[in-house]
Amino acid sequence: MNNSTFTTQGGIKIEKSITPLDAEHALDKIYQYIDTKKGALFVSNYEVPDRYSRWDLGFVHPALELIARKRQFEINALNPNGTR
């Protein structure tokens, strides 16, 4: 696992952690929970050699939720990590 942290000019602390996964099974946990828990799955199958590559990005149990309705916008903490 590769971890790093940095603080933005505005004082926001960013913590990043990268865990290598087996590509064939990387999204198994996302598929297991995405229909019953909060989260998202984004997939791009568009590929152009030397320019664009395919990618998948997913998460469940997020720390925050962002809600936009008409001209209103909310940010809500969903767990203790969302309040830090």
C-alpha atoms as a PDB file:
ATOM      1  CA  MET A   1       0.000   0.000   0.000  1.00  0.00           C
ATOM      2  CA  ASN A   2       1.255   3.493  -0.855  1.00  0.00           C
ATOM      3  CA  ASN A   3       0.168   6.330   1.477  1.00  0.00           C
ATOM      4  CA  SER A   4       0.812  10.052   1.239  1.00  0.00           C
ATOM      5  CA  THR A   5      -0.595  13.263   2.722  1.00  0.00           C
ATOM      6  CA  PHE A   6      -0.429  16.927   1.831  1.00  0.00           C
ATOM      7  CA  THR A   7      -2.154  20.152   2.838  1.00  0.00           C
ATOM      8  CA  THR A   8      -3.657  22.528   0.277  1.00  0.00           C
ATOM      9  CA  GLN A   9      -2.974  26.268   0.327  1.00  0.00           C
ATOM     10  CA  GLY A  10      -6.441  26.658   1.855  1.00  0.00           C
ATOM     11  CA  GLY A  11      -5.475  24.414   4.780  1.00  0.00           C
ATOM     12  CA  ILE A  12      -7.344  21.256   3.725  1.00  0.00           C
ATOM     13  CA  LYS A  13      -5.454  18.083   4.617  1.00  0.00           C
ATOM     14  CA  ILE A  14      -5.554  15.421   1.884  1.00  0.00           C
ATOM     15  CA  GLU A  15      -4.788  11.785   2.714  1.00  0.00           C
ATOM     16  CA  LYS A  16      -4.239   9.419  -0.219  1.00  0.00           C
ATOM     17  CA  SER A  17      -3.804   5.682  -0.102  1.00  0.00           C
ATOM     18  CA  ILE A  18      -3.199   3.427  -3.105  1.00  0.00           C
ATOM     19  CA  THR A  19      -3.705  -0.328  -2.848  1.00  0.00           C
ATOM     20  CA  PRO A  20      -2.772  -2.493  -5.855  1.00  0.00           C
ATOM     21  CA  LEU A  21      -5.629  -4.798  -6.893  1.00  0.00           C
ATOM     22  CA  ASP A  22      -6.025  -7.728  -9.245  1.00  0.00           C
ATOM     23  CA  ALA A  23      -7.723  -6.104 -12.254  1.00  0.00           C
ATOM     24  CA  GLU A  24     -10.034  -9.074 -12.826  1.00  0.00           C
ATOM     25  CA  HIS A  25     -11.564  -8.812  -9.326  1.00  0.00           C
ATOM     26  CA  ALA A  26     -10.995  -5.138  -8.483  1.00  0.00           C
ATOM     27  CA  LEU A  27     -14.690  -4.180  -8.653  1.00  0.00           C
ATOM     28  CA  ASP A  28     -16.171  -7.293  -7.005  1.00  0.00           C
ATOM     29  CA  LYS A  29     -16.900  -5.506  -3.693  1.00  0.00           C
ATOM     30  CA  ILE A  30     -18.410  -2.542  -5.535  1.00  0.00           C
ATOM     31  CA  TYR A  31     -20.763  -4.841  -7.477  1.00  0.00           C
ATOM     32  CA  GLN A  32     -21.697  -6.594  -4.228  1.00  0.00           C
ATOM     33  CA  TYR A  33     -22.845  -3.400  -2.460  1.00  0.00           C
ATOM     34  CA  ILE A  34     -23.673  -0.768  -5.100  1.00  0.00           C
ATOM     35  CA  ASP A  35     -27.393  -1.620  -5.265  1.00  0.00           C
ATOM     36  CA  THR A  36     -27.984  -1.506  -1.493  1.00  0.00           C
ATOM     37  CA  LYS A  37     -25.483   1.075  -0.157  1.00  0.00           C
ATOM     38  CA  LYS A  38     -24.659   4.660  -1.066  1.00  0.00           C
ATOM     39  CA  GLY A  39     -21.856   4.962  -3.586  1.00  0.00           C
ATOM     40  CA  ALA A  40     -21.097   5.318  -7.275  1.00  0.00           C
ATOM     41  CA  LEU A  41     -19.554   3.423 -10.168  1.00  0.00           C
ATOM     42  CA  PHE A  42     -18.127   5.261 -13.181  1.00  0.00           C
ATOM     43  CA  VAL A  43     -16.895   3.334 -16.232  1.00  0.00           C
ATOM     44  CA  SER A  44     -15.369   4.488 -19.514  1.00  0.00           C
ATOM     45  CA  ASN A  45     -15.014   1.947 -22.303  1.00  0.00           C
ATOM     46  CA  TYR A  46     -13.764   4.570 -24.752  1.00  0.00           C
ATOM     47  CA  GLU A  47     -10.259   3.817 -25.965  1.00  0.00           C
ATOM     48  CA  VAL A  48      -7.951   5.471 -28.487  1.00  0.00           C
ATOM     49  CA  PRO A  49      -4.367   4.140 -28.631  1.00  0.00           C
ATOM     50  CA  ASP A  50      -1.799   6.546 -27.146  1.00  0.00           C
ATOM     51  CA  ARG A  51      -4.553   8.962 -26.157  1.00  0.00           C
ATOM     52  CA  TYR A  52      -7.434   7.581 -24.063  1.00  0.00           C
ATOM     53  CA  SER A  53      -7.587   4.390 -22.065  1.00  0.00           C
ATOM     54  CA  ARG A  54     -10.432   2.483 -20.474  1.00  0.00           C
ATOM     55  CA  TRP A  55     -10.991   3.022 -16.765  1.00  0.00           C
ATOM     56  CA  ASP A  56     -13.330   2.117 -13.904  1.00  0.00           C
ATOM     57  CA  LEU A  57     -13.777   4.065 -10.673  1.00  0.00           C
ATOM     58  CA  GLY A  58     -16.121   3.045  -7.881  1.00  0.00           C
ATOM     59  CA  PHE A  59     -16.751   3.466  -4.182  1.00  0.00           C
ATOM     60  CA  VAL A  60     -19.298   2.537  -1.497  1.00  0.00           C
ATOM     61  CA  HIS A  61     -19.852   3.854   2.042  1.00  0.00           C
ATOM     62  CA  PRO A  62     -18.622   7.397   1.245  1.00  0.00           C
ATOM     63  CA  ALA A  63     -17.700   9.803   4.039  1.00  0.00           C
ATOM     64  CA  LEU A  64     -19.722  12.617   2.439  1.00  0.00           C
ATOM     65  CA  GLU A  65     -22.760  12.985   0.237  1.00  0.00           C
ATOM     66  CA  LEU A  66     -23.278  15.897  -2.135  1.00  0.00           C
ATOM     67  CA  ILE A  67     -26.878  16.809  -2.937  1.00  0.00           C
ATOM     68  CA  ALA A  68     -27.880  19.370  -5.570  1.00  0.00           C
ATOM     69  CA  ARG A  69     -31.517  20.326  -6.137  1.00  0.00           C
ATOM     70  CA  LYS A  70     -32.329  23.252  -8.385  1.00  0.00           C
ATOM     71  CA  ARG A  71     -30.406  26.163  -6.788  1.00  0.00           C
ATOM     72  CA  GLN A  72     -29.677  24.426  -3.477  1.00  0.00           C
ATOM     73  CA  PHE A  73     -26.550  22.475  -2.608  1.00  0.00           C
ATOM     74  CA  GLU A  74     -25.865  20.356   0.500  1.00  0.00           C
ATOM     75  CA  ILE A  75     -22.831  18.529   1.840  1.00  0.00           C
ATOM     76  CA  ASN A  76     -23.652  15.974   4.543  1.00  0.00           C
ATOM     77  CA  ALA A  77     -21.313  13.837   6.653  1.00  0.00           C
ATOM     78  CA  LEU A  78     -22.344  10.167   6.498  1.00  0.00           C
ATOM     79  CA  ASN A  79     -19.810   8.848   9.018  1.00  0.00           C
ATOM     80  CA  PRO A  80     -17.116  10.204  11.383  1.00  0.00           C
ATOM     81  CA  ASN A  81     -14.609  10.515   8.517  1.00  0.00           C
ATOM     82  CA  GLY A  82     -16.943  13.067   6.930  1.00  0.00           C
ATOM     83  CA  THR A  83     -16.608  15.406   9.913  1.00  0.00           C
ATOM     84  CA  ARG A  84     -12.816  15.680   9.942  1.00  0.00           C
END
